Amino acid sequence: MKAQTHSLYLLSILLSSFVYTQAQNSDSIPDPQTGLTTHRKAISIIGGYNVWKYHFLEIGLAANELNQVGHTPVGFTYYASSEIKIDKDIIIGPKVGFWFGGGLAFGGSLIYYTDFHNSSLRIRPEIGIGLDRMKVTYGYNIALTNKNFNGINKHNINFAFLIGIKNRKK
């Protein structure tokens, strides 16, 4: 319960102090056909941290499209990654998912948790805040198989970010 309280406190600080500003410049003139001021496609490394009662690190690859509409960064990302439990008992969770956001972030993932003896397939819808290459979301793990699999969170706070490694053609 104490870790849950600390996680919620940290999330409330992040949400209340989350500010994004951008100076207007000559590159921010909208394209007359699309209305976008910038448009980028990239392959990125996704890194993240998932917390509630249990703590998981996340690492993987993502394909993302980042747009700028006026001053608002809008992005769509789909990814393949793996969650790794930070504990003496190893649990990994290979997953695929997506998110999109432009202030608010929405997404979901399909995760296969295993401790190499038992496993559980979970689906996780998510909602939170997300701009450009980062997101902070609340997710709820819904068991599709083996509802009694222990050591994973039913509720989840996710901090994720993208590090671009290669630009794709527009």
N, C-alpha and C. Protein backbone atom coordinates (compact mmCIF):
# COMPACT_ATOMS: atom_id res chain seq x y z
N MET A 1 0.82 -1.19 0.00
CA MET A 1 0.00 0.00 0.00
C MET A 1 0.86 1.26 0.00
N LYS A 2 2.02 1.19 0.70
CA LYS A 2 2.89 2.36 0.77
C LYS A 2 3.45 2.70 -0.61
N ALA A 3 3.88 1.69 -1.40
CA ALA A 3 4.40 1.93 -2.74
C ALA A 3 3.32 2.53 -3.64
N GLN A 4 2.08 2.06 -3.46
CA GLN A 4 0.97 2.57 -4.25
C GLN A 4 0.74 4.05 -3.94
N THR A 5 0.80 4.43 -2.68
CA THR A 5 0.62 5.82 -2.28
C THR A 5 1.73 6.69 -2.85
N HIS A 6 2.97 6.20 -2.78
CA HIS A 6 4.10 6.96 -3.32
C HIS A 6 3.97 7.11 -4.83
N SER A 7 3.52 6.06 -5.52
CA SER A 7 3.35 6.12 -6.97
C SER A 7 2.28 7.14 -7.35
N LEU A 8 1.17 7.14 -6.63
CA LEU A 8 0.11 8.10 -6.92
C LEU A 8 0.57 9.53 -6.62
N TYR A 9 1.34 9.71 -5.56
CA TYR A 9 1.88 11.02 -5.23
C TYR A 9 2.81 11.51 -6.33
N LEU A 10 3.71 10.63 -6.81
CA LEU A 10 4.62 10.98 -7.89
C LEU A 10 3.86 11.33 -9.16
N LEU A 11 2.83 10.55 -9.49
CA LEU A 11 2.03 10.82 -10.67
C LEU A 11 1.33 12.18 -10.56
N SER A 12 0.80 12.49 -9.39
CA SER A 12 0.11 13.78 -9.24
C SER A 12 1.08 14.95 -9.39
N ILE A 13 2.31 14.80 -8.90
CA ILE A 13 3.31 15.86 -9.08
C ILE A 13 3.63 16.02 -10.56
N LEU A 14 3.85 14.90 -11.25
CA LEU A 14 4.16 14.97 -12.68
C LEU A 14 3.02 15.59 -13.47
N LEU A 15 1.80 15.17 -13.19
CA LEU A 15 0.65 15.72 -13.92
C LEU A 15 0.46 17.21 -13.66
N SER A 16 0.66 17.63 -12.41
CA SER A 16 0.43 19.04 -12.09
C SER A 16 1.55 19.95 -12.59
N SER A 17 2.74 19.39 -12.80
CA SER A 17 3.85 20.24 -13.25
C SER A 17 4.17 20.04 -14.72
N PHE A 18 3.35 19.32 -15.44
CA PHE A 18 3.62 18.99 -16.84
C PHE A 18 3.25 20.19 -17.71
N VAL A 19 4.25 20.88 -18.23
CA VAL A 19 4.03 22.06 -19.05
C VAL A 19 4.84 21.90 -20.33
N TYR A 20 4.25 22.25 -21.45
CA TYR A 20 4.95 22.18 -22.73
C TYR A 20 4.78 23.50 -23.44
N THR A 21 5.91 24.12 -23.83
CA THR A 21 5.84 25.37 -24.59
C THR A 21 6.79 25.28 -25.76
N GLN A 22 6.52 26.05 -26.78
CA GLN A 22 7.39 26.11 -27.95
C GLN A 22 7.33 27.52 -28.52
N ALA A 23 8.50 28.03 -28.86
CA ALA A 23 8.56 29.36 -29.45
C ALA A 23 8.11 29.30 -30.89
N GLN A 24 7.39 30.33 -31.32
CA GLN A 24 6.97 30.44 -32.72
C GLN A 24 8.18 30.82 -33.55
N ASN A 25 8.39 30.14 -34.69
CA ASN A 25 9.48 30.51 -35.58
C ASN A 25 9.01 30.38 -37.02
N SER A 26 9.89 30.71 -37.95
CA SER A 26 9.49 30.71 -39.36
C SER A 26 9.25 29.30 -39.88
N ASP A 27 9.74 28.25 -39.17
CA ASP A 27 9.51 26.87 -39.61
C ASP A 27 8.13 26.38 -39.21
N SER A 28 7.39 27.14 -38.42
CA SER A 28 6.11 26.67 -37.92
C SER A 28 4.93 27.19 -38.73
N ILE A 29 5.15 27.47 -39.99
CA ILE A 29 4.07 27.87 -40.89
C ILE A 29 3.38 26.60 -41.38
N PRO A 30 2.07 26.47 -41.19
CA PRO A 30 1.38 25.23 -41.55
C PRO A 30 1.43 24.93 -43.06
N ASP A 31 1.55 23.65 -43.38
CA ASP A 31 1.45 23.18 -44.76
C ASP A 31 0.01 23.42 -45.20
N PRO A 32 -0.23 24.07 -46.35
CA PRO A 32 -1.61 24.40 -46.75
C PRO A 32 -2.46 23.16 -47.02
N GLN A 33 -1.87 22.03 -47.40
CA GLN A 33 -2.65 20.83 -47.70
C GLN A 33 -3.00 20.04 -46.45
N THR A 34 -2.03 19.89 -45.52
CA THR A 34 -2.26 19.04 -44.34
C THR A 34 -2.56 19.81 -43.07
N GLY A 35 -2.16 21.09 -43.00
CA GLY A 35 -2.32 21.87 -41.78
C GLY A 35 -1.23 21.60 -40.76
N LEU A 36 -0.30 20.68 -41.07
CA LEU A 36 0.78 20.33 -40.15
C LEU A 36 1.94 21.29 -40.32
N THR A 37 2.59 21.64 -39.22
CA THR A 37 3.78 22.48 -39.30
C THR A 37 5.04 21.62 -39.37
N THR A 38 5.04 20.43 -38.79
CA THR A 38 6.14 19.48 -38.95
C THR A 38 5.56 18.08 -39.02
N HIS A 39 6.33 17.18 -39.63
CA HIS A 39 5.90 15.79 -39.76
C HIS A 39 7.15 14.93 -39.82
N ARG A 40 7.29 14.02 -38.86
CA ARG A 40 8.46 13.14 -38.80
C ARG A 40 8.02 11.71 -38.57
N LYS A 41 8.71 10.79 -39.23
CA LYS A 41 8.53 9.36 -38.97
C LYS A 41 9.88 8.82 -38.53
N ALA A 42 9.89 7.95 -37.52
CA ALA A 42 11.16 7.46 -37.00
C ALA A 42 11.02 6.04 -36.45
N ILE A 43 12.15 5.39 -36.36
CA ILE A 43 12.29 4.15 -35.60
C ILE A 43 12.97 4.57 -34.30
N SER A 44 12.45 4.13 -33.18
CA SER A 44 12.94 4.59 -31.88
C SER A 44 13.13 3.43 -30.92
N ILE A 45 13.94 3.68 -29.92
CA ILE A 45 14.02 2.78 -28.76
C ILE A 45 12.99 3.29 -27.78
N ILE A 46 12.18 2.38 -27.24
CA ILE A 46 11.22 2.75 -26.20
C ILE A 46 11.78 2.29 -24.86
N GLY A 47 11.77 3.19 -23.90
CA GLY A 47 12.17 2.86 -22.54
C GLY A 47 11.03 3.23 -21.62
N GLY A 48 10.91 2.50 -20.53
CA GLY A 48 9.82 2.82 -19.63
C GLY A 48 9.96 2.22 -18.25
N TYR A 49 9.06 2.62 -17.40
CA TYR A 49 9.00 2.16 -16.02
C TYR A 49 7.53 1.99 -15.68
N ASN A 50 7.16 0.79 -15.20
CA ASN A 50 5.78 0.47 -14.84
C ASN A 50 5.74 0.17 -13.34
N VAL A 51 4.79 0.78 -12.65
CA VAL A 51 4.77 0.65 -11.20
C VAL A 51 3.35 0.62 -10.66
N TRP A 52 3.15 -0.08 -9.61
CA TRP A 52 2.02 -0.03 -8.68
C TRP A 52 2.52 -0.74 -7.44
N LYS A 53 2.14 -1.98 -7.25
CA LYS A 53 2.71 -2.75 -6.15
C LYS A 53 4.07 -3.32 -6.55
N TYR A 54 4.17 -3.78 -7.79
CA TYR A 54 5.42 -4.35 -8.32
C TYR A 54 6.02 -3.37 -9.33
N HIS A 55 7.33 -3.45 -9.50
CA HIS A 55 8.06 -2.53 -10.37
C HIS A 55 8.63 -3.29 -11.57
N PHE A 56 8.43 -2.74 -12.77
CA PHE A 56 8.92 -3.33 -14.01
C PHE A 56 9.63 -2.27 -14.83
N LEU A 57 10.79 -2.64 -15.42
CA LEU A 57 11.43 -1.81 -16.44
C LEU A 57 10.95 -2.29 -17.79
N GLU A 58 10.98 -1.40 -18.78
CA GLU A 58 10.53 -1.75 -20.13
C GLU A 58 11.56 -1.28 -21.15
N ILE A 59 11.82 -2.12 -22.14
CA ILE A 59 12.73 -1.77 -23.23
C ILE A 59 12.23 -2.43 -24.51
N GLY A 60 12.35 -1.72 -25.65
CA GLY A 60 11.90 -2.29 -26.91
C GLY A 60 12.14 -1.35 -28.08
N LEU A 61 11.52 -1.69 -29.21
CA LEU A 61 11.60 -0.89 -30.43
C LEU A 61 10.23 -0.37 -30.80
N ALA A 62 10.21 0.84 -31.37
CA ALA A 62 8.95 1.47 -31.74
C ALA A 62 9.07 2.12 -33.11
N ALA A 63 7.96 2.17 -33.81
CA ALA A 63 7.82 2.99 -35.02
C ALA A 63 6.87 4.10 -34.64
N ASN A 64 7.28 5.33 -34.89
CA ASN A 64 6.43 6.43 -34.47
C ASN A 64 6.35 7.50 -35.55
N GLU A 65 5.24 8.21 -35.49
CA GLU A 65 4.97 9.33 -36.38
C GLU A 65 4.67 10.52 -35.50
N LEU A 66 5.45 11.58 -35.65
CA LEU A 66 5.29 12.75 -34.81
C LEU A 66 4.92 13.94 -35.67
N ASN A 67 3.86 14.63 -35.31
CA ASN A 67 3.37 15.77 -36.06
C ASN A 67 3.27 16.97 -35.13
N GLN A 68 3.32 18.13 -35.71
CA GLN A 68 3.12 19.37 -34.96
C GLN A 68 1.97 20.09 -35.62
N VAL A 69 0.91 20.35 -34.87
CA VAL A 69 -0.23 21.09 -35.37
C VAL A 69 -0.27 22.39 -34.57
N GLY A 70 0.20 23.48 -35.19
CA GLY A 70 0.34 24.74 -34.44
C GLY A 70 1.38 24.54 -33.34
N HIS A 71 0.97 24.72 -32.10
CA HIS A 71 1.88 24.52 -30.97
C HIS A 71 1.70 23.14 -30.33
N THR A 72 0.81 22.32 -30.83
CA THR A 72 0.50 21.05 -30.20
C THR A 72 1.23 19.89 -30.87
N PRO A 73 2.09 19.17 -30.12
CA PRO A 73 2.72 17.98 -30.68
C PRO A 73 1.73 16.81 -30.60
N VAL A 74 1.59 16.11 -31.69
CA VAL A 74 0.68 14.97 -31.77
C VAL A 74 1.47 13.78 -32.28
N GLY A 75 1.31 12.64 -31.66
CA GLY A 75 2.08 11.48 -32.08
C GLY A 75 1.28 10.20 -32.08
N PHE A 76 1.74 9.26 -32.91
CA PHE A 76 1.21 7.90 -32.93
C PHE A 76 2.39 6.96 -32.89
N THR A 77 2.35 5.98 -32.00
CA THR A 77 3.45 5.05 -31.82
C THR A 77 2.91 3.64 -31.72
N TYR A 78 3.56 2.69 -32.40
CA TYR A 78 3.30 1.28 -32.14
C TYR A 78 4.64 0.63 -31.87
N TYR A 79 4.63 -0.40 -31.02
CA TYR A 79 5.89 -0.91 -30.50
C TYR A 79 5.83 -2.39 -30.15
N ALA A 80 7.02 -2.98 -30.01
CA ALA A 80 7.22 -4.33 -29.46
C ALA A 80 8.27 -4.15 -28.38
N SER A 81 7.96 -4.56 -27.18
CA SER A 81 8.88 -4.37 -26.06
C SER A 81 8.74 -5.52 -25.08
N SER A 82 9.44 -5.41 -23.97
CA SER A 82 9.33 -6.41 -22.92
C SER A 82 9.43 -5.72 -21.57
N GLU A 83 8.56 -6.11 -20.65
CA GLU A 83 8.63 -5.65 -19.28
C GLU A 83 9.43 -6.68 -18.48
N ILE A 84 10.30 -6.21 -17.59
CA ILE A 84 11.12 -7.09 -16.77
C ILE A 84 10.93 -6.67 -15.32
N LYS A 85 10.47 -7.61 -14.48
CA LYS A 85 10.20 -7.30 -13.08
C LYS A 85 11.51 -7.05 -12.33
N ILE A 86 11.51 -5.99 -11.53
CA ILE A 86 12.66 -5.65 -10.70
C ILE A 86 12.45 -6.30 -9.33
N ASP A 87 12.93 -7.54 -9.19
CA ASP A 87 12.69 -8.30 -7.98
C ASP A 87 13.56 -9.55 -8.02
N LYS A 88 13.61 -10.27 -6.92
CA LYS A 88 14.37 -11.52 -6.90
C LYS A 88 13.67 -12.61 -7.72
N ASP A 89 12.35 -12.54 -7.83
CA ASP A 89 11.58 -13.48 -8.66
C ASP A 89 11.43 -12.89 -10.05
N ILE A 90 12.02 -13.53 -11.04
CA ILE A 90 12.02 -13.00 -12.41
C ILE A 90 10.68 -13.26 -13.09
N ILE A 91 10.11 -12.19 -13.61
CA ILE A 91 8.94 -12.27 -14.48
C ILE A 91 9.23 -11.37 -15.66
N ILE A 92 9.01 -11.88 -16.87
CA ILE A 92 9.14 -11.04 -18.05
C ILE A 92 7.78 -10.96 -18.73
N GLY A 93 7.59 -9.89 -19.47
CA GLY A 93 6.32 -9.69 -20.16
C GLY A 93 6.53 -9.14 -21.55
N PRO A 94 6.84 -10.01 -22.54
CA PRO A 94 6.91 -9.51 -23.92
C PRO A 94 5.55 -8.92 -24.31
N LYS A 95 5.58 -7.79 -25.03
CA LYS A 95 4.31 -7.17 -25.37
C LYS A 95 4.37 -6.41 -26.68
N VAL A 96 3.21 -6.20 -27.25
CA VAL A 96 3.02 -5.34 -28.41
C VAL A 96 1.94 -4.34 -28.04
N GLY A 97 2.06 -3.13 -28.58
CA GLY A 97 1.07 -2.14 -28.23
C GLY A 97 1.17 -0.89 -29.08
N PHE A 98 0.35 0.09 -28.73
CA PHE A 98 0.30 1.36 -29.44
C PHE A 98 -0.13 2.45 -28.47
N TRP A 99 0.15 3.69 -28.83
CA TRP A 99 -0.44 4.84 -28.15
C TRP A 99 -0.46 6.02 -29.10
N PHE A 100 -1.41 6.89 -28.87
CA PHE A 100 -1.46 8.15 -29.60
C PHE A 100 -1.82 9.24 -28.60
N GLY A 101 -1.30 10.43 -28.89
CA GLY A 101 -1.56 11.51 -27.95
C GLY A 101 -1.22 12.86 -28.52
N GLY A 102 -1.84 13.84 -27.94
CA GLY A 102 -1.61 15.24 -28.26
C GLY A 102 -2.05 16.06 -27.06
N GLY A 103 -1.57 15.70 -25.92
CA GLY A 103 -2.02 16.24 -24.63
C GLY A 103 -2.56 15.07 -23.84
N LEU A 104 -3.75 14.60 -24.21
CA LEU A 104 -4.24 13.33 -23.67
C LEU A 104 -3.61 12.19 -24.46
N ALA A 105 -3.38 11.07 -23.79
CA ALA A 105 -2.82 9.90 -24.46
C ALA A 105 -3.76 8.71 -24.25
N PHE A 106 -3.95 7.94 -25.30
CA PHE A 106 -4.75 6.73 -25.26
C PHE A 106 -3.94 5.62 -25.90
N GLY A 107 -4.08 4.42 -25.40
CA GLY A 107 -3.36 3.31 -26.01
C GLY A 107 -3.77 1.99 -25.41
N GLY A 108 -3.00 0.98 -25.77
CA GLY A 108 -3.26 -0.35 -25.25
C GLY A 108 -2.13 -1.28 -25.62
N SER A 109 -2.08 -2.40 -24.92
CA SER A 109 -1.06 -3.39 -25.21
C SER A 109 -1.57 -4.79 -24.88
N LEU A 110 -0.91 -5.75 -25.48
CA LEU A 110 -1.16 -7.17 -25.25
C LEU A 110 0.14 -7.72 -24.68
N ILE A 111 0.08 -8.29 -23.46
CA ILE A 111 1.28 -8.69 -22.73
C ILE A 111 1.18 -10.17 -22.35
N TYR A 112 2.28 -10.89 -22.56
CA TYR A 112 2.38 -12.30 -22.18
C TYR A 112 3.37 -12.40 -21.02
N TYR A 113 2.86 -12.41 -19.78
CA TYR A 113 3.72 -12.51 -18.60
C TYR A 113 4.08 -13.96 -18.34
N THR A 114 5.35 -14.20 -17.99
CA THR A 114 5.78 -15.55 -17.64
C THR A 114 6.88 -15.50 -16.60
N ASP A 115 6.87 -16.50 -15.70
CA ASP A 115 7.97 -16.71 -14.76
C ASP A 115 8.72 -17.98 -15.14
N PHE A 116 8.49 -18.48 -16.35
CA PHE A 116 9.10 -19.68 -16.94
C PHE A 116 8.52 -20.97 -16.38
N HIS A 117 7.52 -20.89 -15.48
CA HIS A 117 6.78 -22.05 -15.00
C HIS A 117 5.29 -21.88 -15.29
N ASN A 118 4.81 -20.67 -15.11
CA ASN A 118 3.42 -20.31 -15.36
C ASN A 118 3.40 -19.07 -16.25
N SER A 119 2.23 -18.81 -16.83
CA SER A 119 2.13 -17.62 -17.68
C SER A 119 0.70 -17.10 -17.68
N SER A 120 0.55 -15.89 -18.16
CA SER A 120 -0.76 -15.26 -18.25
C SER A 120 -0.74 -14.24 -19.38
N LEU A 121 -1.74 -14.28 -20.22
CA LEU A 121 -1.91 -13.30 -21.30
C LEU A 121 -2.85 -12.21 -20.79
N ARG A 122 -2.40 -10.95 -20.91
CA ARG A 122 -3.18 -9.81 -20.42
C ARG A 122 -3.33 -8.77 -21.51
N ILE A 123 -4.45 -8.06 -21.47
CA ILE A 123 -4.66 -6.91 -22.33
C ILE A 123 -4.73 -5.70 -21.40
N ARG A 124 -4.10 -4.58 -21.81
CA ARG A 124 -4.05 -3.40 -20.95
C ARG A 124 -4.47 -2.15 -21.71
N PRO A 125 -5.70 -1.65 -21.51
CA PRO A 125 -6.05 -0.33 -22.03
C PRO A 125 -5.39 0.73 -21.14
N GLU A 126 -5.02 1.88 -21.75
CA GLU A 126 -4.32 2.93 -21.02
C GLU A 126 -4.88 4.31 -21.36
N ILE A 127 -4.84 5.22 -20.39
CA ILE A 127 -5.22 6.61 -20.60
C ILE A 127 -4.34 7.48 -19.72
N GLY A 128 -3.98 8.66 -20.22
CA GLY A 128 -3.14 9.56 -19.43
C GLY A 128 -2.78 10.79 -20.22
N ILE A 129 -1.53 11.23 -20.08
CA ILE A 129 -1.03 12.37 -20.82
C ILE A 129 0.12 11.93 -21.71
N GLY A 130 0.24 12.56 -22.87
CA GLY A 130 1.33 12.21 -23.76
C GLY A 130 1.57 13.32 -24.76
N LEU A 131 2.81 13.67 -24.93
CA LEU A 131 3.21 14.68 -25.90
C LEU A 131 4.45 14.19 -26.62
N ASP A 132 4.45 14.33 -27.93
CA ASP A 132 5.62 14.06 -28.73
C ASP A 132 6.18 12.66 -28.46
N ARG A 133 7.26 12.55 -27.70
CA ARG A 133 7.94 11.27 -27.52
C ARG A 133 7.80 10.70 -26.11
N MET A 134 6.83 11.13 -25.34
CA MET A 134 6.70 10.60 -24.00
C MET A 134 5.24 10.50 -23.58
N LYS A 135 5.01 9.65 -22.56
CA LYS A 135 3.66 9.50 -22.03
C LYS A 135 3.73 9.09 -20.56
N VAL A 136 2.70 9.42 -19.83
CA VAL A 136 2.46 8.96 -18.47
C VAL A 136 1.00 8.51 -18.47
N THR A 137 0.78 7.20 -18.24
CA THR A 137 -0.58 6.67 -18.34
C THR A 137 -0.93 5.77 -17.17
N TYR A 138 -2.22 5.64 -16.94
CA TYR A 138 -2.77 4.64 -16.04
C TYR A 138 -3.30 3.51 -16.91
N GLY A 139 -2.97 2.28 -16.54
CA GLY A 139 -3.47 1.11 -17.27
C GLY A 139 -4.07 0.09 -16.32
N TYR A 140 -4.92 -0.75 -16.86
CA TYR A 140 -5.57 -1.80 -16.08
C TYR A 140 -5.37 -3.12 -16.81
N ASN A 141 -4.65 -4.05 -16.17
CA ASN A 141 -4.38 -5.36 -16.77
C ASN A 141 -5.60 -6.27 -16.65
N ILE A 142 -6.13 -6.69 -17.77
CA ILE A 142 -7.28 -7.59 -17.82
C ILE A 142 -6.77 -8.97 -18.22
N ALA A 143 -6.98 -9.96 -17.36
CA ALA A 143 -6.49 -11.32 -17.62
C ALA A 143 -7.34 -11.99 -18.69
N LEU A 144 -6.66 -12.49 -19.72
CA LEU A 144 -7.32 -13.30 -20.75
C LEU A 144 -7.13 -14.78 -20.45
N THR A 145 -6.00 -15.12 -19.82
CA THR A 145 -5.72 -16.49 -19.39
C THR A 145 -5.09 -16.43 -18.00
N ASN A 146 -5.20 -17.50 -17.25
CA ASN A 146 -4.59 -17.68 -15.94
C ASN A 146 -4.75 -16.45 -15.04
N LYS A 147 -5.96 -16.22 -14.60
CA LYS A 147 -6.27 -15.07 -13.75
C LYS A 147 -5.56 -15.14 -12.40
N ASN A 148 -5.08 -16.32 -12.01
CA ASN A 148 -4.43 -16.50 -10.71
C ASN A 148 -2.91 -16.32 -10.76
N PHE A 149 -2.37 -15.89 -11.88
CA PHE A 149 -0.93 -15.66 -12.00
C PHE A 149 -0.54 -14.52 -11.07
N ASN A 150 0.41 -14.76 -10.17
CA ASN A 150 0.80 -13.78 -9.16
C ASN A 150 2.06 -13.02 -9.56
N GLY A 151 2.27 -11.86 -8.95
CA GLY A 151 3.50 -11.10 -9.12
C GLY A 151 3.42 -10.00 -10.16
N ILE A 152 2.23 -9.74 -10.70
CA ILE A 152 2.07 -8.64 -11.64
C ILE A 152 0.97 -7.70 -11.13
N ASN A 153 0.98 -6.51 -11.63
CA ASN A 153 0.03 -5.49 -11.17
C ASN A 153 -1.29 -5.60 -11.92
N LYS A 154 -2.39 -5.44 -11.18
CA LYS A 154 -3.69 -5.30 -11.84
C LYS A 154 -3.83 -3.86 -12.34
N HIS A 155 -3.47 -2.90 -11.50
CA HIS A 155 -3.42 -1.48 -11.86
C HIS A 155 -1.97 -1.15 -12.20
N ASN A 156 -1.76 -0.13 -13.03
CA ASN A 156 -0.43 0.14 -13.52
C ASN A 156 -0.27 1.62 -13.86
N ILE A 157 0.83 2.22 -13.41
CA ILE A 157 1.22 3.55 -13.86
C ILE A 157 2.44 3.35 -14.75
N ASN A 158 2.41 3.90 -15.96
CA ASN A 158 3.48 3.71 -16.92
C ASN A 158 4.10 5.05 -17.30
N PHE A 159 5.42 5.13 -17.23
CA PHE A 159 6.19 6.27 -17.72
C PHE A 159 6.97 5.73 -18.92
N ALA A 160 6.78 6.27 -20.10
CA ALA A 160 7.48 5.78 -21.29
C ALA A 160 8.01 6.94 -22.11
N PHE A 161 9.13 6.71 -22.78
CA PHE A 161 9.74 7.73 -23.62
C PHE A 161 10.38 7.05 -24.83
N LEU A 162 10.55 7.82 -25.88
CA LEU A 162 11.16 7.33 -27.12
C LEU A 162 12.47 8.05 -27.38
N ILE A 163 13.46 7.30 -27.83
CA ILE A 163 14.74 7.86 -28.26
C ILE A 163 14.89 7.50 -29.74
N GLY A 164 14.81 8.49 -30.61
CA GLY A 164 14.90 8.25 -32.05
C GLY A 164 16.26 7.71 -32.44
N ILE A 165 16.26 6.64 -33.27
CA ILE A 165 17.54 6.10 -33.73
C ILE A 165 17.66 6.15 -35.25
N LYS A 166 16.55 6.25 -35.97
CA LYS A 166 16.61 6.33 -37.43
C LYS A 166 15.34 6.99 -37.95
N ASN A 167 15.51 7.96 -38.82
CA ASN A 167 14.36 8.60 -39.47
C ASN A 167 13.88 7.72 -40.61
N ARG A 168 12.56 7.67 -40.78
CA ARG A 168 11.97 6.95 -41.91
C ARG A 168 11.52 7.96 -42.93
N LYS A 169 11.32 7.51 -44.16
CA LYS A 169 10.83 8.40 -45.22
C LYS A 169 9.44 8.88 -44.89
N LYS A 170 9.14 10.10 -45.29
CA LYS A 170 7.82 10.69 -45.05
C LYS A 170 6.80 10.09 -45.98
